[in-house]
């Protein structure tokens, strides 16, 4: 069985019931996954509480030196250890690290259409040998996307981008994008399978729109990069997929 990369977003990491359900699913997996997490909502709350202003450009948070300290504290500290703690409670052998640890993810400064986003990075290298050592030892790796720059500085990285980079580098069998919706909805129904051309057609007609757009684009990029399949689902869909049962969720396939 190939590697599995699971990505969970900033809304889900604040939901303890979601985390407990995720931990139960991971406990039932034969192959330990890599879990990449976000934490945007918690970061925004903490920045507001500390009265530190921030901007968002094209969905990416502009990160100056002051806000970078908050990002690293929340992502690599609070949220990462909350996830590890929940997994341990379900009997899962888990370890929490960030892209800085061991230089697991190396980045270069990211410019978005000429905009300087500050300490925001684009992943250029993933240490797959180190990742595979953890997985071969039976450990679930919980990965904060905060990463190490090729210049030796720390950078904030979008969690979707980090999950994609890890999945592609590992040539993972599956990238599972777990969210609060049951899959890609077209005319109110979950579409069980989509290829990249079908996705492009549905985007062109407006049938895929809003918050689902970045998910399907990330999934399509993953399979184009060599990942066997990408899966968009909620926890119920993840459980049914894990058990080999028919259920909700959308599988994104190359083609």
C-alpha atoms as a PDB file:
ATOM      1  CA  UNK A   1       0.000   0.000   0.000  1.00  0.00           C
ATOM      2  CA  UNK A   2       1.295   3.466  -0.921  1.00  0.00           C
ATOM      3  CA  UNK A   3       1.623   6.499   1.273  1.00  0.00           C
ATOM      4  CA  UNK A   4      -1.391   8.557   2.317  1.00  0.00           C
ATOM      5  CA  UNK A   5      -1.325  12.301   2.928  1.00  0.00           C
ATOM      6  CA  UNK A   6      -4.272  13.845   4.776  1.00  0.00           C
ATOM      7  CA  UNK A   7      -4.860  17.589   4.784  1.00  0.00           C
ATOM      8  CA  UNK A   8      -7.188  19.242   7.306  1.00  0.00           C
ATOM      9  CA  UNK A   9      -8.048  22.909   7.364  1.00  0.00           C
ATOM     10  CA  UNK A  10      -8.106  25.696   9.888  1.00  0.00           C
ATOM     11  CA  UNK A  11     -11.801  25.347  10.655  1.00  0.00           C
ATOM     12  CA  UNK A  12     -11.584  21.643  11.358  1.00  0.00           C
ATOM     13  CA  UNK A  13      -8.640  21.904  13.774  1.00  0.00           C
ATOM     14  CA  UNK A  14     -10.796  24.008  16.112  1.00  0.00           C
ATOM     15  CA  UNK A  15     -13.509  21.327  16.279  1.00  0.00           C
ATOM     16  CA  UNK A  16     -12.649  18.786  18.985  1.00  0.00           C
ATOM     17  CA  UNK A  17     -15.354  16.370  17.808  1.00  0.00           C
ATOM     18  CA  UNK A  18     -13.866  16.469  14.317  1.00  0.00           C
ATOM     19  CA  UNK A  19     -10.384  15.816  15.696  1.00  0.00           C
ATOM     20  CA  UNK A  20     -11.615  12.864  17.749  1.00  0.00           C
ATOM     21  CA  UNK A  21     -13.325  11.417  14.666  1.00  0.00           C
ATOM     22  CA  UNK A  22     -10.164  11.920  12.634  1.00  0.00           C
ATOM     23  CA  UNK A  23      -8.091  10.207  15.318  1.00  0.00           C
ATOM     24  CA  UNK A  24     -10.451   7.208  15.338  1.00  0.00           C
ATOM     25  CA  UNK A  25     -10.133   6.920  11.552  1.00  0.00           C
ATOM     26  CA  UNK A  26      -6.351   7.162  11.663  1.00  0.00           C
ATOM     27  CA  UNK A  27      -6.252   4.517  14.398  1.00  0.00           C
ATOM     28  CA  UNK A  28      -7.999   2.148  11.983  1.00  0.00           C
ATOM     29  CA  UNK A  29      -5.540   2.663   9.133  1.00  0.00           C
ATOM     30  CA  UNK A  30      -3.021  -0.055   8.303  1.00  0.00           C
ATOM     31  CA  UNK A  31      -0.576   2.457   6.796  1.00  0.00           C
ATOM     32  CA  UNK A  32       0.319   5.477   8.969  1.00  0.00           C
ATOM     33  CA  UNK A  33      -0.476   8.717   7.100  1.00  0.00           C
ATOM     34  CA  UNK A  34       1.176  12.098   7.031  1.00  0.00           C
ATOM     35  CA  UNK A  35      -1.282  14.697   8.340  1.00  0.00           C
ATOM     36  CA  UNK A  36      -0.735  18.282   7.187  1.00  0.00           C
ATOM     37  CA  UNK A  37      -2.810  20.887   9.009  1.00  0.00           C
ATOM     38  CA  UNK A  38      -3.750  24.514   8.648  1.00  0.00           C
ATOM     39  CA  UNK A  39      -4.908  26.915  11.323  1.00  0.00           C
ATOM     40  CA  UNK A  40      -5.947  30.162   9.688  1.00  0.00           C
ATOM     41  CA  UNK A  41      -8.897  30.862  11.979  1.00  0.00           C
ATOM     42  CA  UNK A  42      -6.846  30.396  15.142  1.00  0.00           C
ATOM     43  CA  UNK A  43      -4.081  32.586  13.730  1.00  0.00           C
ATOM     44  CA  UNK A  44      -6.559  35.346  12.848  1.00  0.00           C
ATOM     45  CA  UNK A  45      -8.103  35.234  16.335  1.00  0.00           C
ATOM     46  CA  UNK A  46      -4.707  35.437  17.998  1.00  0.00           C
ATOM     47  CA  UNK A  47      -3.557  38.318  15.783  1.00  0.00           C
ATOM     48  CA  UNK A  48      -6.780  40.189  16.572  1.00  0.00           C
ATOM     49  CA  UNK A  49      -6.378  39.547  20.298  1.00  0.00           C
ATOM     50  CA  UNK A  50      -2.807  40.870  20.145  1.00  0.00           C
ATOM     51  CA  UNK A  51      -3.933  43.799  17.960  1.00  0.00           C
ATOM     52  CA  UNK A  52      -1.529  42.901  15.179  1.00  0.00           C
ATOM     53  CA  UNK A  53      -2.951  43.951  11.772  1.00  0.00           C
ATOM     54  CA  UNK A  54      -2.667  41.651   8.762  1.00  0.00           C
ATOM     55  CA  UNK A  55      -3.617  41.507   5.097  1.00  0.00           C
ATOM     56  CA  UNK A  56      -4.636  38.663   2.803  1.00  0.00           C
ATOM     57  CA  UNK A  57      -3.591  38.666  -0.866  1.00  0.00           C
ATOM     58  CA  UNK A  58      -5.034  36.041  -3.214  1.00  0.00           C
ATOM     59  CA  UNK A  59      -5.989  33.919  -0.210  1.00  0.00           C
ATOM     60  CA  UNK A  60      -2.493  34.049   1.309  1.00  0.00           C
ATOM     61  CA  UNK A  61      -1.781  35.862   4.568  1.00  0.00           C
ATOM     62  CA  UNK A  62       0.847  38.603   4.292  1.00  0.00           C
ATOM     63  CA  UNK A  63       3.309  37.666   7.050  1.00  0.00           C
ATOM     64  CA  UNK A  64       5.690  40.219   8.527  1.00  0.00           C
ATOM     65  CA  UNK A  65       8.235  39.450  11.259  1.00  0.00           C
ATOM     66  CA  UNK A  66       5.772  40.159  14.092  1.00  0.00           C
ATOM     67  CA  UNK A  67       2.922  38.077  12.699  1.00  0.00           C
ATOM     68  CA  UNK A  68       5.340  35.271  11.767  1.00  0.00           C
ATOM     69  CA  UNK A  69       5.998  34.745  15.483  1.00  0.00           C
ATOM     70  CA  UNK A  70       2.251  34.286  16.026  1.00  0.00           C
ATOM     71  CA  UNK A  71       1.898  31.979  13.015  1.00  0.00           C
ATOM     72  CA  UNK A  72       4.699  29.714  14.249  1.00  0.00           C
ATOM     73  CA  UNK A  73       3.416  29.749  17.820  1.00  0.00           C
ATOM     74  CA  UNK A  74      -0.136  28.815  16.803  1.00  0.00           C
ATOM     75  CA  UNK A  75       0.599  26.351  13.990  1.00  0.00           C
ATOM     76  CA  UNK A  76       3.725  24.571  15.209  1.00  0.00           C
ATOM     77  CA  UNK A  77       2.774  24.836  18.889  1.00  0.00           C
ATOM     78  CA  UNK A  78      -0.871  25.045  19.904  1.00  0.00           C
ATOM     79  CA  UNK A  79      -2.563  23.328  16.959  1.00  0.00           C
ATOM     80  CA  UNK A  80       0.145  20.798  16.187  1.00  0.00           C
ATOM     81  CA  UNK A  81       0.250  19.548  19.761  1.00  0.00           C
ATOM     82  CA  UNK A  82      -3.545  19.540  20.040  1.00  0.00           C
ATOM     83  CA  UNK A  83      -3.630  17.157  17.097  1.00  0.00           C
ATOM     84  CA  UNK A  84      -0.865  14.958  18.482  1.00  0.00           C
ATOM     85  CA  UNK A  85      -2.558  14.836  21.878  1.00  0.00           C
ATOM     86  CA  UNK A  86      -5.857  13.750  20.314  1.00  0.00           C
ATOM     87  CA  UNK A  87      -4.181  11.052  18.225  1.00  0.00           C
ATOM     88  CA  UNK A  88      -2.294   9.697  21.244  1.00  0.00           C
ATOM     89  CA  UNK A  89      -5.595   9.531  23.107  1.00  0.00           C
ATOM     90  CA  UNK A  90      -6.908   7.228  20.370  1.00  0.00           C
ATOM     91  CA  UNK A  91      -3.893   4.938  20.696  1.00  0.00           C
ATOM     92  CA  UNK A  92      -2.085   6.313  17.637  1.00  0.00           C
ATOM     93  CA  UNK A  93       1.700   6.594  17.740  1.00  0.00           C
ATOM     94  CA  UNK A  94       2.032  10.209  16.589  1.00  0.00           C
ATOM     95  CA  UNK A  95       4.776  12.799  16.458  1.00  0.00           C
ATOM     96  CA  UNK A  96       4.314  16.492  15.684  1.00  0.00           C
ATOM     97  CA  UNK A  97       6.880  18.444  13.683  1.00  0.00           C
ATOM     98  CA  UNK A  98       7.030  21.443  11.387  1.00  0.00           C
ATOM     99  CA  UNK A  99       8.742  21.913   8.056  1.00  0.00           C
ATOM    100  CA  UNK A 100      11.576  23.583   9.982  1.00  0.00           C
ATOM    101  CA  UNK A 101      12.429  20.420  11.947  1.00  0.00           C
ATOM    102  CA  UNK A 102      15.164  18.435  10.208  1.00  0.00           C
ATOM    103  CA  UNK A 103      14.683  20.835   7.277  1.00  0.00           C
ATOM    104  CA  UNK A 104      11.738  18.646   6.238  1.00  0.00           C
ATOM    105  CA  UNK A 105      10.422  21.327   3.893  1.00  0.00           C
ATOM    106  CA  UNK A 106      12.683  23.929   2.298  1.00  0.00           C
ATOM    107  CA  UNK A 107      11.200  27.029   0.742  1.00  0.00           C
ATOM    108  CA  UNK A 108      12.022  30.109  -1.261  1.00  0.00           C
ATOM    109  CA  UNK A 109      10.316  33.462  -0.807  1.00  0.00           C
ATOM    110  CA  UNK A 110       6.962  33.560  -2.625  1.00  0.00           C
ATOM    111  CA  UNK A 111       5.894  36.557  -4.698  1.00  0.00           C
ATOM    112  CA  UNK A 112       2.225  36.609  -5.735  1.00  0.00           C
ATOM    113  CA  UNK A 113       1.748  38.536  -8.995  1.00  0.00           C
ATOM    114  CA  UNK A 114       4.383  41.051  -7.926  1.00  0.00           C
ATOM    115  CA  UNK A 115       3.064  41.356  -4.347  1.00  0.00           C
ATOM    116  CA  UNK A 116       5.624  40.952  -1.570  1.00  0.00           C
ATOM    117  CA  UNK A 117       3.928  38.714   1.003  1.00  0.00           C
ATOM    118  CA  UNK A 118       6.726  39.017   3.540  1.00  0.00           C
ATOM    119  CA  UNK A 119       7.762  35.742   5.175  1.00  0.00           C
ATOM    120  CA  UNK A 120       5.609  33.518   2.963  1.00  0.00           C
ATOM    121  CA  UNK A 121       7.371  30.670   1.218  1.00  0.00           C
ATOM    122  CA  UNK A 122       7.034  28.372  -1.781  1.00  0.00           C
ATOM    123  CA  UNK A 123       8.202  24.809  -1.146  1.00  0.00           C
ATOM    124  CA  UNK A 124      11.120  23.793  -3.363  1.00  0.00           C
ATOM    125  CA  UNK A 125      12.356  20.670  -1.566  1.00  0.00           C
ATOM    126  CA  UNK A 126      10.869  17.967   0.672  1.00  0.00           C
ATOM    127  CA  UNK A 127      13.088  15.542   2.601  1.00  0.00           C
ATOM    128  CA  UNK A 128      11.264  12.365   1.624  1.00  0.00           C
ATOM    129  CA  UNK A 129      13.960  10.152   3.155  1.00  0.00           C
ATOM    130  CA  UNK A 130      13.285  11.594   6.614  1.00  0.00           C
ATOM    131  CA  UNK A 131       9.502  11.413   6.149  1.00  0.00           C
ATOM    132  CA  UNK A 132       9.721   7.775   5.091  1.00  0.00           C
ATOM    133  CA  UNK A 133      11.835   6.914   8.138  1.00  0.00           C
ATOM    134  CA  UNK A 134       9.003   8.074  10.416  1.00  0.00           C
ATOM    135  CA  UNK A 135       6.379   6.226   8.377  1.00  0.00           C
ATOM    136  CA  UNK A 136       8.429   3.017   8.236  1.00  0.00           C
ATOM    137  CA  UNK A 137       8.757   3.210  12.031  1.00  0.00           C
ATOM    138  CA  UNK A 138       4.953   3.150  12.240  1.00  0.00           C
ATOM    139  CA  UNK A 139       4.608   6.797  13.287  1.00  0.00           C
ATOM    140  CA  UNK A 140       1.891   9.161  12.135  1.00  0.00           C
ATOM    141  CA  UNK A 141       3.620  12.428  11.285  1.00  0.00           C
ATOM    142  CA  UNK A 142       1.588  15.548  12.095  1.00  0.00           C
ATOM    143  CA  UNK A 143       3.134  18.328  10.051  1.00  0.00           C
ATOM    144  CA  UNK A 144       2.821  22.078  10.553  1.00  0.00           C
ATOM    145  CA  UNK A 145       3.428  23.888   7.249  1.00  0.00           C
ATOM    146  CA  UNK A 146       5.810  26.451   8.794  1.00  0.00           C
ATOM    147  CA  UNK A 147       9.035  25.763   6.906  1.00  0.00           C
ATOM    148  CA  UNK A 148      12.727  26.574   6.549  1.00  0.00           C
ATOM    149  CA  UNK A 149      13.927  28.965   3.881  1.00  0.00           C
ATOM    150  CA  UNK A 150      16.938  28.258   1.738  1.00  0.00           C
ATOM    151  CA  UNK A 151      18.226  31.512   3.284  1.00  0.00           C
ATOM    152  CA  UNK A 152      18.021  30.005   6.778  1.00  0.00           C
ATOM    153  CA  UNK A 153      14.935  32.011   7.809  1.00  0.00           C
ATOM    154  CA  UNK A 154      11.504  30.711   8.813  1.00  0.00           C
ATOM    155  CA  UNK A 155       8.548  31.090   6.446  1.00  0.00           C
ATOM    156  CA  UNK A 156       4.791  30.650   6.579  1.00  0.00           C
ATOM    157  CA  UNK A 157       3.441  28.213   3.958  1.00  0.00           C
ATOM    158  CA  UNK A 158      -0.148  27.647   2.884  1.00  0.00           C
ATOM    159  CA  UNK A 159      -1.271  24.251   4.217  1.00  0.00           C
ATOM    160  CA  UNK A 160      -2.819  23.185   0.896  1.00  0.00           C
ATOM    161  CA  UNK A 161       0.477  23.921  -0.848  1.00  0.00           C
ATOM    162  CA  UNK A 162       2.380  21.993   1.815  1.00  0.00           C
ATOM    163  CA  UNK A 163       0.094  18.953   1.557  1.00  0.00           C
ATOM    164  CA  UNK A 164       0.465  18.944  -2.231  1.00  0.00           C
ATOM    165  CA  UNK A 165       4.240  19.209  -2.045  1.00  0.00           C
ATOM    166  CA  UNK A 166       4.483  16.344   0.459  1.00  0.00           C
ATOM    167  CA  UNK A 167       2.102  14.124  -1.513  1.00  0.00           C
ATOM    168  CA  UNK A 168       3.909  14.726  -4.800  1.00  0.00           C
ATOM    169  CA  UNK A 169       7.364  14.276  -3.246  1.00  0.00           C
ATOM    170  CA  UNK A 170       6.330  10.968  -1.656  1.00  0.00           C
ATOM    171  CA  UNK A 171       4.509   9.932  -4.853  1.00  0.00           C
ATOM    172  CA  UNK A 172       1.649   9.176  -2.510  1.00  0.00           C
ATOM    173  CA  UNK A 173      -1.082   6.765  -3.412  1.00  0.00           C
ATOM    174  CA  UNK A 174      -3.739   9.136  -2.027  1.00  0.00           C
ATOM    175  CA  UNK A 175      -4.087  12.770  -1.037  1.00  0.00           C
ATOM    176  CA  UNK A 176      -7.208  13.133   1.117  1.00  0.00           C
ATOM    177  CA  UNK A 177      -8.542  16.680   1.459  1.00  0.00           C
ATOM    178  CA  UNK A 178     -10.858  16.399   4.445  1.00  0.00           C
ATOM    179  CA  UNK A 179     -13.350  19.195   4.940  1.00  0.00           C
ATOM    180  CA  UNK A 180     -16.882  19.858   6.226  1.00  0.00           C
ATOM    181  CA  UNK A 181     -18.668  19.023   2.963  1.00  0.00           C
ATOM    182  CA  UNK A 182     -19.331  15.494   1.635  1.00  0.00           C
ATOM    183  CA  UNK A 183     -17.577  16.022  -1.691  1.00  0.00           C
ATOM    184  CA  UNK A 184     -17.846  18.007  -4.913  1.00  0.00           C
ATOM    185  CA  UNK A 185     -21.497  18.931  -5.417  1.00  0.00           C
ATOM    186  CA  UNK A 186     -22.980  19.383  -8.894  1.00  0.00           C
ATOM    187  CA  UNK A 187     -26.693  20.197  -9.057  1.00  0.00           C
ATOM    188  CA  UNK A 188     -26.954  19.288  -5.394  1.00  0.00           C
ATOM    189  CA  UNK A 189     -25.474  15.808  -5.776  1.00  0.00           C
ATOM    190  CA  UNK A 190     -22.018  14.512  -4.829  1.00  0.00           C
ATOM    191  CA  UNK A 191     -20.042  13.530  -7.923  1.00  0.00           C
ATOM    192  CA  UNK A 192     -18.197  10.282  -7.090  1.00  0.00           C
ATOM    193  CA  UNK A 193     -15.361  10.701  -9.639  1.00  0.00           C
ATOM    194  CA  UNK A 194     -13.925  13.565 -11.661  1.00  0.00           C
ATOM    195  CA  UNK A 195     -11.040  13.857 -14.111  1.00  0.00           C
ATOM    196  CA  UNK A 196      -9.067  17.052 -14.700  1.00  0.00           C
ATOM    197  CA  UNK A 197     -10.855  17.836 -18.011  1.00  0.00           C
ATOM    198  CA  UNK A 198     -14.222  17.339 -16.315  1.00  0.00           C
ATOM    199  CA  UNK A 199     -13.175  19.680 -13.511  1.00  0.00           C
ATOM    200  CA  UNK A 200     -12.145  22.354 -16.004  1.00  0.00           C
ATOM    201  CA  UNK A 201     -15.487  22.038 -17.790  1.00  0.00           C
ATOM    202  CA  UNK A 202     -17.482  22.323 -14.558  1.00  0.00           C
ATOM    203  CA  UNK A 203     -15.462  25.371 -13.489  1.00  0.00           C
ATOM    204  CA  UNK A 204     -16.094  26.976 -16.879  1.00  0.00           C
ATOM    205  CA  UNK A 205     -19.858  26.507 -16.522  1.00  0.00           C
ATOM    206  CA  UNK A 206     -19.823  27.773 -12.932  1.00  0.00           C
ATOM    207  CA  UNK A 207     -21.059  24.471 -11.490  1.00  0.00           C
ATOM    208  CA  UNK A 208     -17.918  24.280  -9.346  1.00  0.00           C
ATOM    209  CA  UNK A 209     -17.428  27.591  -7.602  1.00  0.00           C
ATOM    210  CA  UNK A 210     -16.672  29.356  -4.325  1.00  0.00           C
ATOM    211  CA  UNK A 211     -14.767  27.488  -1.629  1.00  0.00           C
ATOM    212  CA  UNK A 212     -14.666  24.273  -3.659  1.00  0.00           C
ATOM    213  CA  UNK A 213     -12.534  25.858  -6.392  1.00  0.00           C
ATOM    214  CA  UNK A 214      -9.196  25.755  -4.526  1.00  0.00           C
ATOM    215  CA  UNK A 215      -9.895  22.198  -3.352  1.00  0.00           C
ATOM    216  CA  UNK A 216     -10.509  20.772  -6.823  1.00  0.00           C
ATOM    217  CA  UNK A 217      -7.598  22.733  -8.282  1.00  0.00           C
ATOM    218  CA  UNK A 218      -5.278  21.412  -5.579  1.00  0.00           C
ATOM    219  CA  UNK A 219      -6.542  17.874  -6.135  1.00  0.00           C
ATOM    220  CA  UNK A 220      -6.057  18.160  -9.901  1.00  0.00           C
ATOM    221  CA  UNK A 221      -2.531  19.513  -9.414  1.00  0.00           C
ATOM    222  CA  UNK A 222      -1.740  16.586  -7.136  1.00  0.00           C
ATOM    223  CA  UNK A 223      -2.730  13.892  -9.636  1.00  0.00           C
ATOM    224  CA  UNK A 224      -0.966  15.814 -12.420  1.00  0.00           C
ATOM    225  CA  UNK A 225       2.156  15.693 -10.235  1.00  0.00           C
ATOM    226  CA  UNK A 226       2.090  11.912  -9.893  1.00  0.00           C
ATOM    227  CA  UNK A 227      -0.189  11.302  -6.903  1.00  0.00           C
ATOM    228  CA  UNK A 228      -2.338   8.253  -7.620  1.00  0.00           C
ATOM    229  CA  UNK A 229      -5.619   9.890  -6.651  1.00  0.00           C
ATOM    230  CA  UNK A 230      -6.910  12.797  -4.655  1.00  0.00           C
ATOM    231  CA  UNK A 231      -9.994  12.568  -2.517  1.00  0.00           C
ATOM    232  CA  UNK A 232     -12.309  15.362  -1.303  1.00  0.00           C
ATOM    233  CA  UNK A 233     -14.660  14.294   1.473  1.00  0.00           C
ATOM    234  CA  UNK A 234     -15.852  14.785   5.021  1.00  0.00           C
ATOM    235  CA  UNK A 235     -15.058  12.470   7.931  1.00  0.00           C
ATOM    236  CA  UNK A 236     -17.910  10.115   7.051  1.00  0.00           C
ATOM    237  CA  UNK A 237     -16.515   9.762   3.549  1.00  0.00           C
ATOM    238  CA  UNK A 238     -13.024   9.167   4.902  1.00  0.00           C
ATOM    239  CA  UNK A 239     -14.296   6.392   7.166  1.00  0.00           C
ATOM    240  CA  UNK A 240     -16.180   4.664   4.352  1.00  0.00           C
ATOM    241  CA  UNK A 241     -13.196   4.989   2.004  1.00  0.00           C
ATOM    242  CA  UNK A 242     -10.900   3.554   4.698  1.00  0.00           C
ATOM    243  CA  UNK A 243     -13.217   0.570   5.167  1.00  0.00           C
ATOM    244  CA  UNK A 244     -13.612   0.022   1.425  1.00  0.00           C
ATOM    245  CA  UNK A 245     -17.320   0.810   1.584  1.00  0.00           C
ATOM    246  CA  UNK A 246     -19.292   2.827  -0.963  1.00  0.00           C
ATOM    247  CA  UNK A 247     -20.109   6.255   0.363  1.00  0.00           C
ATOM    248  CA  UNK A 248     -19.767   9.969  -0.018  1.00  0.00           C
ATOM    249  CA  UNK A 249     -16.738  11.744  -1.377  1.00  0.00           C
ATOM    250  CA  UNK A 250     -15.268  12.726  -4.727  1.00  0.00           C
ATOM    251  CA  UNK A 251     -12.233  10.978  -6.178  1.00  0.00           C
ATOM    252  CA  UNK A 252     -10.078  13.103  -8.493  1.00  0.00           C
ATOM    253  CA  UNK A 253      -8.298  11.046 -11.130  1.00  0.00           C
ATOM    254  CA  UNK A 254      -5.743  11.839 -13.809  1.00  0.00           C
ATOM    255  CA  UNK A 255      -7.066  11.927 -17.332  1.00  0.00           C
END
